Amino acid sequence: MTQLASTPSTLRPEGYPRLCELIKDIDFTMFTTVAEDGSLHSRPMATMQLDADRAELWFFTSIDSPKVAEIYHERTVGLSYASPGKNNYVSVSGRAYIVRDTDKVTELWTPAAKIWFPQGVNDPHLVLLRVVIESAQFWDSPSSMVVQLWGLAKMALTGHAPENLGENVKVNVR
């Protein structure tokens, strides 16, 4: 595979391990690119791999997809992950690269991918999207919705901030 960006440092900020835990537990993201006219274009995509050591996210796409042209125009992308049932939300900013690498495709291939790429790993339209994470922000709320609502009601009645409604962490990866 051709190296398209520098190899990231293995040193990570304090919130990075939790960021990775949150992302790996959420299968789909809203993947946002910038169109040539400057508008934002989002679509759901399955995350095929989180490479935590390299701070990279991997996706399958078609070379004919509008998102490929948008990435060639502007590499900066945004990814939004949500697990409402667990009250966890993640926003990732990174740089996207189009990669053709049969070995990596084979490594990431799942039977479900055949729905979009019926010719399998050798489908001529199949390419990889590699997103190098630059920064992220997550909202991690360990409490159930009932506990959160109770805390907010208590705050409204007493004026005291509720305890342990979660945390908001910003992580600069690069």
N, C-alpha and C. Protein backbone atom coordinates (compact mmCIF):
# COMPACT_ATOMS: atom_id res chain seq x y z
N MET A 1 0.84 -1.17 0.00
CA MET A 1 0.00 0.00 0.00
C MET A 1 0.88 1.23 0.00
N THR A 2 0.53 2.22 -0.78
CA THR A 2 1.26 3.47 -0.82
C THR A 2 0.96 4.28 0.44
N GLN A 3 1.99 4.80 1.06
CA GLN A 3 1.80 5.61 2.26
C GLN A 3 1.34 6.99 1.84
N LEU A 4 0.16 7.40 2.27
CA LEU A 4 -0.40 8.66 1.84
C LEU A 4 -0.31 9.76 2.89
N ALA A 5 0.02 9.40 4.09
CA ALA A 5 0.17 10.39 5.15
C ALA A 5 1.24 9.89 6.11
N SER A 6 1.81 10.78 6.86
CA SER A 6 2.87 10.38 7.76
C SER A 6 2.35 9.40 8.80
N THR A 7 3.22 8.53 9.28
CA THR A 7 2.84 7.59 10.31
C THR A 7 2.65 8.35 11.61
N PRO A 8 1.50 8.19 12.25
CA PRO A 8 1.23 8.94 13.46
C PRO A 8 2.11 8.49 14.63
N SER A 9 2.30 9.39 15.54
CA SER A 9 3.04 9.09 16.75
C SER A 9 2.23 8.11 17.59
N THR A 10 2.91 7.27 18.36
CA THR A 10 2.20 6.35 19.23
C THR A 10 1.78 7.02 20.53
N LEU A 11 2.24 8.23 20.78
CA LEU A 11 1.82 8.97 21.97
C LEU A 11 0.42 9.52 21.73
N ARG A 12 -0.47 9.30 22.66
CA ARG A 12 -1.85 9.75 22.51
C ARG A 12 -2.27 10.50 23.76
N PRO A 13 -3.19 11.43 23.59
CA PRO A 13 -3.69 12.16 24.75
C PRO A 13 -4.48 11.24 25.67
N GLU A 14 -4.70 11.70 26.87
CA GLU A 14 -5.34 10.91 27.92
C GLU A 14 -6.69 10.34 27.51
N GLY A 15 -7.51 11.08 26.80
CA GLY A 15 -8.85 10.61 26.43
C GLY A 15 -8.89 9.67 25.25
N TYR A 16 -7.74 9.43 24.61
CA TYR A 16 -7.72 8.63 23.39
C TYR A 16 -8.20 7.19 23.59
N PRO A 17 -7.79 6.49 24.64
CA PRO A 17 -8.29 5.11 24.81
C PRO A 17 -9.82 5.06 24.94
N ARG A 18 -10.41 5.98 25.65
CA ARG A 18 -11.88 5.98 25.78
C ARG A 18 -12.53 6.29 24.44
N LEU A 19 -11.96 7.22 23.69
CA LEU A 19 -12.46 7.53 22.35
C LEU A 19 -12.52 6.26 21.50
N CYS A 20 -11.45 5.49 21.52
CA CYS A 20 -11.39 4.25 20.73
C CYS A 20 -12.42 3.24 21.21
N GLU A 21 -12.60 3.12 22.52
CA GLU A 21 -13.62 2.21 23.05
C GLU A 21 -15.01 2.58 22.54
N LEU A 22 -15.31 3.87 22.55
CA LEU A 22 -16.63 4.32 22.11
C LEU A 22 -16.84 4.04 20.63
N ILE A 23 -15.85 4.35 19.80
CA ILE A 23 -15.98 4.15 18.36
C ILE A 23 -16.13 2.67 18.03
N LYS A 24 -15.34 1.80 18.66
CA LYS A 24 -15.37 0.38 18.29
C LYS A 24 -16.70 -0.27 18.63
N ASP A 25 -17.45 0.31 19.53
CA ASP A 25 -18.75 -0.26 19.91
C ASP A 25 -19.90 0.25 19.05
N ILE A 26 -19.62 1.14 18.09
CA ILE A 26 -20.67 1.70 17.23
C ILE A 26 -20.33 1.32 15.79
N ASP A 27 -21.22 0.60 15.14
CA ASP A 27 -20.93 0.05 13.81
C ASP A 27 -21.02 1.07 12.67
N PHE A 28 -21.88 2.07 12.81
CA PHE A 28 -22.12 2.99 11.71
C PHE A 28 -21.82 4.42 12.11
N THR A 29 -21.40 5.19 11.12
CA THR A 29 -21.13 6.61 11.32
C THR A 29 -21.87 7.41 10.26
N MET A 30 -22.10 8.67 10.53
CA MET A 30 -22.50 9.61 9.49
C MET A 30 -21.21 10.25 9.01
N PHE A 31 -20.86 9.96 7.77
CA PHE A 31 -19.59 10.35 7.16
C PHE A 31 -19.85 11.62 6.35
N THR A 32 -19.22 12.72 6.72
CA THR A 32 -19.48 14.02 6.10
C THR A 32 -18.28 14.50 5.30
N THR A 33 -18.56 14.87 4.05
CA THR A 33 -17.55 15.43 3.16
C THR A 33 -17.98 16.84 2.76
N VAL A 34 -17.04 17.56 2.14
CA VAL A 34 -17.32 18.92 1.67
C VAL A 34 -17.44 18.88 0.15
N ALA A 35 -18.59 19.30 -0.36
CA ALA A 35 -18.81 19.34 -1.81
C ALA A 35 -18.05 20.53 -2.41
N GLU A 36 -17.91 20.53 -3.73
CA GLU A 36 -17.18 21.61 -4.39
C GLU A 36 -17.78 22.98 -4.14
N ASP A 37 -19.10 23.05 -3.93
CA ASP A 37 -19.74 24.34 -3.66
C ASP A 37 -19.64 24.74 -2.19
N GLY A 38 -18.93 23.93 -1.38
CA GLY A 38 -18.74 24.24 0.04
C GLY A 38 -19.81 23.65 0.94
N SER A 39 -20.85 23.07 0.37
CA SER A 39 -21.90 22.47 1.20
C SER A 39 -21.40 21.15 1.79
N LEU A 40 -22.01 20.77 2.89
CA LEU A 40 -21.66 19.52 3.55
C LEU A 40 -22.58 18.42 3.07
N HIS A 41 -22.03 17.23 2.87
CA HIS A 41 -22.79 16.09 2.40
C HIS A 41 -22.50 14.92 3.33
N SER A 42 -23.55 14.42 3.99
CA SER A 42 -23.39 13.31 4.94
C SER A 42 -24.14 12.09 4.47
N ARG A 43 -23.59 10.93 4.82
CA ARG A 43 -24.24 9.67 4.50
C ARG A 43 -23.79 8.63 5.53
N PRO A 44 -24.68 7.64 5.81
CA PRO A 44 -24.28 6.59 6.76
C PRO A 44 -23.29 5.63 6.11
N MET A 45 -22.31 5.23 6.88
CA MET A 45 -21.32 4.26 6.40
C MET A 45 -20.94 3.33 7.54
N ALA A 46 -20.63 2.09 7.17
CA ALA A 46 -20.16 1.10 8.14
C ALA A 46 -18.66 1.25 8.32
N THR A 47 -18.23 1.34 9.55
CA THR A 47 -16.80 1.38 9.84
C THR A 47 -16.28 -0.05 9.76
N MET A 48 -15.34 -0.28 8.86
CA MET A 48 -14.80 -1.62 8.68
C MET A 48 -13.69 -1.92 9.69
N GLN A 49 -12.95 -0.88 10.09
CA GLN A 49 -11.87 -1.09 11.06
C GLN A 49 -11.49 0.22 11.72
N LEU A 50 -11.23 0.14 13.01
CA LEU A 50 -10.56 1.20 13.75
C LEU A 50 -9.17 0.65 14.07
N ASP A 51 -8.14 1.26 13.49
CA ASP A 51 -6.76 0.92 13.81
C ASP A 51 -6.30 1.92 14.85
N ALA A 52 -6.45 1.56 16.12
CA ALA A 52 -6.15 2.48 17.22
C ALA A 52 -4.68 2.85 17.28
N ASP A 53 -3.79 1.92 16.93
CA ASP A 53 -2.35 2.20 16.98
C ASP A 53 -1.97 3.30 16.00
N ARG A 54 -2.63 3.33 14.84
CA ARG A 54 -2.30 4.32 13.81
C ARG A 54 -3.30 5.48 13.77
N ALA A 55 -4.33 5.42 14.62
CA ALA A 55 -5.39 6.44 14.63
C ALA A 55 -6.03 6.58 13.25
N GLU A 56 -6.46 5.43 12.71
CA GLU A 56 -7.07 5.40 11.38
C GLU A 56 -8.40 4.65 11.43
N LEU A 57 -9.33 5.11 10.61
CA LEU A 57 -10.60 4.44 10.40
C LEU A 57 -10.66 4.02 8.94
N TRP A 58 -11.20 2.83 8.67
CA TRP A 58 -11.24 2.29 7.32
C TRP A 58 -12.67 2.00 6.90
N PHE A 59 -12.97 2.29 5.63
CA PHE A 59 -14.30 2.11 5.06
C PHE A 59 -14.16 1.57 3.64
N PHE A 60 -15.21 0.87 3.18
CA PHE A 60 -15.33 0.49 1.78
C PHE A 60 -16.18 1.53 1.07
N THR A 61 -15.87 1.81 -0.18
CA THR A 61 -16.73 2.65 -1.01
C THR A 61 -16.49 2.31 -2.48
N SER A 62 -17.31 2.88 -3.33
CA SER A 62 -17.14 2.70 -4.77
C SER A 62 -16.36 3.88 -5.33
N ILE A 63 -15.45 3.59 -6.23
CA ILE A 63 -14.67 4.64 -6.87
C ILE A 63 -15.58 5.63 -7.60
N ASP A 64 -16.78 5.20 -7.98
CA ASP A 64 -17.74 6.05 -8.69
C ASP A 64 -18.60 6.90 -7.75
N SER A 65 -18.43 6.74 -6.47
CA SER A 65 -19.25 7.45 -5.49
C SER A 65 -18.93 8.95 -5.49
N PRO A 66 -19.94 9.80 -5.36
CA PRO A 66 -19.68 11.24 -5.26
C PRO A 66 -18.74 11.60 -4.11
N LYS A 67 -18.74 10.80 -3.05
CA LYS A 67 -17.86 11.13 -1.92
C LYS A 67 -16.39 11.06 -2.31
N VAL A 68 -16.05 10.21 -3.28
CA VAL A 68 -14.66 10.11 -3.73
C VAL A 68 -14.23 11.42 -4.39
N ALA A 69 -15.06 11.96 -5.27
CA ALA A 69 -14.75 13.25 -5.89
C ALA A 69 -14.67 14.36 -4.85
N GLU A 70 -15.56 14.31 -3.86
CA GLU A 70 -15.54 15.33 -2.80
C GLU A 70 -14.26 15.23 -1.98
N ILE A 71 -13.78 14.01 -1.72
CA ILE A 71 -12.54 13.84 -0.96
C ILE A 71 -11.34 14.31 -1.77
N TYR A 72 -11.34 14.07 -3.08
CA TYR A 72 -10.25 14.60 -3.90
C TYR A 72 -10.25 16.13 -3.88
N HIS A 73 -11.43 16.72 -3.76
CA HIS A 73 -11.55 18.19 -3.70
C HIS A 73 -11.11 18.72 -2.33
N GLU A 74 -11.55 18.03 -1.26
CA GLU A 74 -11.27 18.47 0.12
C GLU A 74 -11.13 17.23 0.99
N ARG A 75 -9.94 17.01 1.52
CA ARG A 75 -9.66 15.80 2.31
C ARG A 75 -10.23 15.85 3.73
N THR A 76 -10.54 17.02 4.23
CA THR A 76 -11.07 17.12 5.59
C THR A 76 -12.48 16.56 5.63
N VAL A 77 -12.69 15.62 6.56
CA VAL A 77 -14.00 14.98 6.71
C VAL A 77 -14.40 14.99 8.18
N GLY A 78 -15.69 14.79 8.40
CA GLY A 78 -16.23 14.66 9.75
C GLY A 78 -17.00 13.36 9.86
N LEU A 79 -16.89 12.73 11.00
CA LEU A 79 -17.62 11.49 11.25
C LEU A 79 -18.35 11.62 12.58
N SER A 80 -19.61 11.25 12.58
CA SER A 80 -20.42 11.31 13.80
C SER A 80 -20.90 9.92 14.15
N TYR A 81 -20.57 9.50 15.36
CA TYR A 81 -20.99 8.20 15.88
C TYR A 81 -21.97 8.46 17.03
N ALA A 82 -23.02 7.65 17.12
CA ALA A 82 -23.98 7.82 18.20
C ALA A 82 -24.47 6.46 18.69
N SER A 83 -24.55 6.36 20.00
CA SER A 83 -25.15 5.21 20.65
C SER A 83 -26.14 5.76 21.66
N PRO A 84 -27.33 6.19 21.19
CA PRO A 84 -28.29 6.83 22.09
C PRO A 84 -28.69 5.97 23.29
N GLY A 85 -28.77 4.66 23.09
CA GLY A 85 -29.14 3.78 24.20
C GLY A 85 -28.14 3.82 25.34
N LYS A 86 -26.89 4.11 25.02
CA LYS A 86 -25.84 4.20 26.05
C LYS A 86 -25.48 5.65 26.37
N ASN A 87 -26.14 6.59 25.70
CA ASN A 87 -25.87 8.02 25.88
C ASN A 87 -24.43 8.38 25.55
N ASN A 88 -23.90 7.77 24.48
CA ASN A 88 -22.54 8.05 24.03
C ASN A 88 -22.58 8.64 22.63
N TYR A 89 -21.80 9.70 22.43
CA TYR A 89 -21.75 10.40 21.14
C TYR A 89 -20.31 10.79 20.86
N VAL A 90 -19.90 10.63 19.58
CA VAL A 90 -18.53 10.93 19.20
C VAL A 90 -18.53 11.72 17.90
N SER A 91 -17.69 12.75 17.83
CA SER A 91 -17.48 13.52 16.62
C SER A 91 -15.99 13.47 16.30
N VAL A 92 -15.66 13.02 15.08
CA VAL A 92 -14.26 12.87 14.66
C VAL A 92 -13.99 13.79 13.48
N SER A 93 -12.84 14.46 13.50
CA SER A 93 -12.35 15.23 12.36
C SER A 93 -11.08 14.56 11.88
N GLY A 94 -10.96 14.44 10.56
CA GLY A 94 -9.76 13.80 10.04
C GLY A 94 -9.54 14.12 8.58
N ARG A 95 -8.54 13.46 8.02
CA ARG A 95 -8.19 13.62 6.61
C ARG A 95 -8.43 12.28 5.95
N ALA A 96 -9.12 12.30 4.81
CA ALA A 96 -9.49 11.07 4.10
C ALA A 96 -8.60 10.85 2.89
N TYR A 97 -8.33 9.59 2.62
CA TYR A 97 -7.50 9.19 1.49
C TYR A 97 -8.17 8.01 0.79
N ILE A 98 -8.12 8.01 -0.52
CA ILE A 98 -8.61 6.89 -1.32
C ILE A 98 -7.45 5.92 -1.49
N VAL A 99 -7.68 4.65 -1.17
CA VAL A 99 -6.61 3.65 -1.19
C VAL A 99 -7.08 2.44 -2.00
N ARG A 100 -6.22 1.98 -2.90
CA ARG A 100 -6.42 0.70 -3.59
C ARG A 100 -5.38 -0.27 -3.04
N ASP A 101 -5.86 -1.27 -2.32
CA ASP A 101 -4.96 -2.24 -1.70
C ASP A 101 -5.73 -3.54 -1.51
N THR A 102 -5.50 -4.50 -2.40
CA THR A 102 -6.23 -5.76 -2.39
C THR A 102 -6.01 -6.52 -1.08
N ASP A 103 -4.80 -6.48 -0.54
CA ASP A 103 -4.54 -7.18 0.73
C ASP A 103 -5.38 -6.59 1.86
N LYS A 104 -5.47 -5.27 1.91
CA LYS A 104 -6.26 -4.62 2.97
C LYS A 104 -7.75 -4.91 2.76
N VAL A 105 -8.21 -4.88 1.52
CA VAL A 105 -9.61 -5.21 1.23
C VAL A 105 -9.91 -6.63 1.72
N THR A 106 -9.03 -7.56 1.41
CA THR A 106 -9.21 -8.95 1.84
C THR A 106 -9.24 -9.06 3.36
N GLU A 107 -8.38 -8.31 4.03
CA GLU A 107 -8.33 -8.30 5.50
C GLU A 107 -9.65 -7.81 6.09
N LEU A 108 -10.25 -6.80 5.48
CA LEU A 108 -11.46 -6.18 6.03
C LEU A 108 -12.76 -6.79 5.52
N TRP A 109 -12.68 -7.63 4.50
CA TRP A 109 -13.87 -8.14 3.82
C TRP A 109 -14.79 -8.89 4.78
N THR A 110 -16.10 -8.64 4.64
CA THR A 110 -17.12 -9.39 5.36
C THR A 110 -18.17 -9.85 4.34
N PRO A 111 -18.88 -10.92 4.62
CA PRO A 111 -19.92 -11.36 3.69
C PRO A 111 -20.96 -10.28 3.39
N ALA A 112 -21.26 -9.43 4.36
CA ALA A 112 -22.25 -8.36 4.16
C ALA A 112 -21.80 -7.36 3.09
N ALA A 113 -20.50 -7.20 2.90
CA ALA A 113 -19.99 -6.25 1.91
C ALA A 113 -20.38 -6.66 0.49
N LYS A 114 -20.69 -7.93 0.32
CA LYS A 114 -21.04 -8.42 -1.01
C LYS A 114 -22.35 -7.80 -1.51
N ILE A 115 -23.17 -7.31 -0.61
CA ILE A 115 -24.41 -6.61 -1.00
C ILE A 115 -24.07 -5.41 -1.88
N TRP A 116 -23.04 -4.67 -1.50
CA TRP A 116 -22.65 -3.46 -2.24
C TRP A 116 -21.62 -3.75 -3.33
N PHE A 117 -20.86 -4.81 -3.13
CA PHE A 117 -19.80 -5.16 -4.08
C PHE A 117 -19.95 -6.63 -4.47
N PRO A 118 -20.89 -6.91 -5.40
CA PRO A 118 -21.24 -8.30 -5.72
C PRO A 118 -20.09 -9.12 -6.31
N GLN A 119 -19.07 -8.47 -6.85
CA GLN A 119 -17.93 -9.21 -7.40
C GLN A 119 -16.89 -9.54 -6.33
N GLY A 120 -17.19 -9.19 -5.09
CA GLY A 120 -16.31 -9.53 -3.98
C GLY A 120 -15.07 -8.64 -3.91
N VAL A 121 -14.02 -9.20 -3.34
CA VAL A 121 -12.79 -8.42 -3.12
C VAL A 121 -12.15 -7.95 -4.42
N ASN A 122 -12.50 -8.56 -5.52
CA ASN A 122 -11.94 -8.16 -6.82
C ASN A 122 -12.84 -7.23 -7.59
N ASP A 123 -13.89 -6.73 -6.97
CA ASP A 123 -14.80 -5.80 -7.64
C ASP A 123 -13.99 -4.58 -8.10
N PRO A 124 -14.02 -4.24 -9.38
CA PRO A 124 -13.19 -3.14 -9.88
C PRO A 124 -13.60 -1.76 -9.34
N HIS A 125 -14.80 -1.65 -8.79
CA HIS A 125 -15.26 -0.37 -8.25
C HIS A 125 -14.90 -0.20 -6.77
N LEU A 126 -14.51 -1.27 -6.12
CA LEU A 126 -14.23 -1.25 -4.68
C LEU A 126 -12.90 -0.57 -4.38
N VAL A 127 -12.97 0.46 -3.56
CA VAL A 127 -11.77 1.12 -3.04
C VAL A 127 -11.96 1.30 -1.53
N LEU A 128 -10.88 1.62 -0.89
CA LEU A 128 -10.91 1.87 0.55
C LEU A 128 -10.85 3.36 0.81
N LEU A 129 -11.54 3.78 1.86
CA LEU A 129 -11.38 5.12 2.40
C LEU A 129 -10.62 4.98 3.71
N ARG A 130 -9.52 5.66 3.81
CA ARG A 130 -8.74 5.66 5.05
C ARG A 130 -8.86 7.06 5.65
N VAL A 131 -9.35 7.14 6.86
CA VAL A 131 -9.46 8.42 7.55
C VAL A 131 -8.43 8.44 8.67
N VAL A 132 -7.53 9.39 8.59
CA VAL A 132 -6.53 9.60 9.62
C VAL A 132 -7.13 10.59 10.62
N ILE A 133 -7.35 10.11 11.83
CA ILE A 133 -7.99 10.94 12.87
C ILE A 133 -7.04 12.06 13.29
N GLU A 134 -7.55 13.28 13.25
CA GLU A 134 -6.77 14.43 13.70
C GLU A 134 -7.23 14.92 15.06
N SER A 135 -8.54 14.96 15.26
CA SER A 135 -9.09 15.36 16.55
C SER A 135 -10.47 14.75 16.71
N ALA A 136 -10.95 14.77 17.92
CA ALA A 136 -12.26 14.20 18.19
C ALA A 136 -12.82 14.82 19.46
N GLN A 137 -14.09 14.63 19.62
CA GLN A 137 -14.77 15.07 20.83
C GLN A 137 -15.80 14.01 21.15
N PHE A 138 -15.92 13.68 22.43
CA PHE A 138 -16.96 12.71 22.78
C PHE A 138 -17.70 13.14 24.03
N TRP A 139 -18.94 12.68 24.05
CA TRP A 139 -19.82 12.89 25.18
C TRP A 139 -20.13 11.49 25.69
N ASP A 140 -19.73 11.22 26.90
CA ASP A 140 -19.83 9.89 27.48
C ASP A 140 -20.65 10.01 28.77
N SER A 141 -21.85 9.48 28.74
CA SER A 141 -22.73 9.59 29.88
C SER A 141 -23.06 8.21 30.42
N PRO A 142 -22.46 7.83 31.54
CA PRO A 142 -22.68 6.49 32.05
C PRO A 142 -24.06 6.27 32.65
N SER A 143 -24.76 7.33 32.96
CA SER A 143 -26.06 7.19 33.61
C SER A 143 -27.15 6.84 32.61
N SER A 144 -28.16 6.18 33.09
CA SER A 144 -29.32 5.89 32.26
C SER A 144 -30.10 7.17 32.03
N MET A 145 -30.98 7.17 31.05
CA MET A 145 -31.80 8.33 30.75
C MET A 145 -32.67 8.71 31.96
N VAL A 146 -33.17 7.73 32.68
CA VAL A 146 -33.99 8.00 33.87
C VAL A 146 -33.18 8.76 34.91
N VAL A 147 -31.93 8.30 35.14
CA VAL A 147 -31.05 8.97 36.10
C VAL A 147 -30.75 10.39 35.64
N GLN A 148 -30.53 10.59 34.36
CA GLN A 148 -30.25 11.92 33.83
C GLN A 148 -31.46 12.84 34.01
N LEU A 149 -32.63 12.33 33.67
CA LEU A 149 -33.84 13.14 33.83
C LEU A 149 -34.08 13.49 35.28
N TRP A 150 -33.85 12.55 36.18
CA TRP A 150 -34.00 12.81 37.60
C TRP A 150 -33.01 13.90 38.03
N GLY A 151 -31.76 13.81 37.56
CA GLY A 151 -30.75 14.82 37.91
C GLY A 151 -31.12 16.19 37.39
N LEU A 152 -31.66 16.26 36.18
CA LEU A 152 -32.06 17.55 35.62
C LEU A 152 -33.27 18.11 36.36
N ALA A 153 -34.21 17.25 36.74
CA ALA A 153 -35.38 17.71 37.51
C ALA A 153 -34.93 18.21 38.88
N LYS A 154 -34.00 17.49 39.49
CA LYS A 154 -33.46 17.90 40.79
C LYS A 154 -32.78 19.27 40.68
N MET A 155 -32.02 19.47 39.58
CA MET A 155 -31.36 20.75 39.38
C MET A 155 -32.40 21.87 39.22
N ALA A 156 -33.45 21.59 38.48
CA ALA A 156 -34.50 22.61 38.28
C ALA A 156 -35.15 22.99 39.60
N LEU A 157 -35.32 22.02 40.49
CA LEU A 157 -35.98 22.28 41.77
C LEU A 157 -35.05 22.89 42.80
N THR A 158 -33.79 22.45 42.84
CA THR A 158 -32.87 22.88 43.90
C THR A 158 -31.86 23.92 43.44
N GLY A 159 -31.61 23.99 42.14
CA GLY A 159 -30.59 24.91 41.64
C GLY A 159 -29.19 24.33 41.71
N HIS A 160 -29.05 23.10 42.22
CA HIS A 160 -27.74 22.45 42.33
C HIS A 160 -27.52 21.57 41.10
N ALA A 161 -26.33 21.66 40.54
CA ALA A 161 -26.00 20.86 39.35
C ALA A 161 -26.04 19.37 39.69
N PRO A 162 -26.60 18.57 38.80
CA PRO A 162 -26.65 17.13 39.05
C PRO A 162 -25.25 16.52 38.98
N GLU A 163 -25.09 15.43 39.71
CA GLU A 163 -23.81 14.74 39.73
C GLU A 163 -23.77 13.68 38.62
N ASN A 164 -22.60 13.48 38.06
CA ASN A 164 -22.30 12.38 37.14
C ASN A 164 -23.28 12.24 35.98
N LEU A 165 -23.51 13.34 35.26
CA LEU A 165 -24.29 13.23 34.04
C LEU A 165 -23.40 12.87 32.86
N GLY A 166 -22.12 12.68 33.13
CA GLY A 166 -21.21 12.29 32.08
C GLY A 166 -20.13 13.33 31.88
N GLU A 167 -19.38 13.11 30.81
CA GLU A 167 -18.29 14.03 30.52
C GLU A 167 -18.22 14.33 29.03
N ASN A 168 -17.66 15.50 28.75
CA ASN A 168 -17.39 15.93 27.38
C ASN A 168 -15.88 16.09 27.29
N VAL A 169 -15.25 15.32 26.38
CA VAL A 169 -13.79 15.33 26.28
C VAL A 169 -13.38 15.67 24.86
N LYS A 170 -12.44 16.59 24.72
CA LYS A 170 -11.84 16.91 23.42
C LYS A 170 -10.48 16.24 23.36
N VAL A 171 -10.21 15.57 22.23
CA VAL A 171 -8.97 14.82 22.06
C VAL A 171 -8.28 15.31 20.80
N ASN A 172 -7.09 15.89 20.95
CA ASN A 172 -6.27 16.25 19.79
C ASN A 172 -5.30 15.11 19.57
N VAL A 173 -5.48 14.41 18.47
CA VAL A 173 -4.71 13.21 18.20
C VAL A 173 -3.39 13.55 17.54
N ARG A 174 -3.35 14.58 16.71
CA ARG A 174 -2.13 14.95 16.00
C ARG A 174 -1.73 16.34 16.38
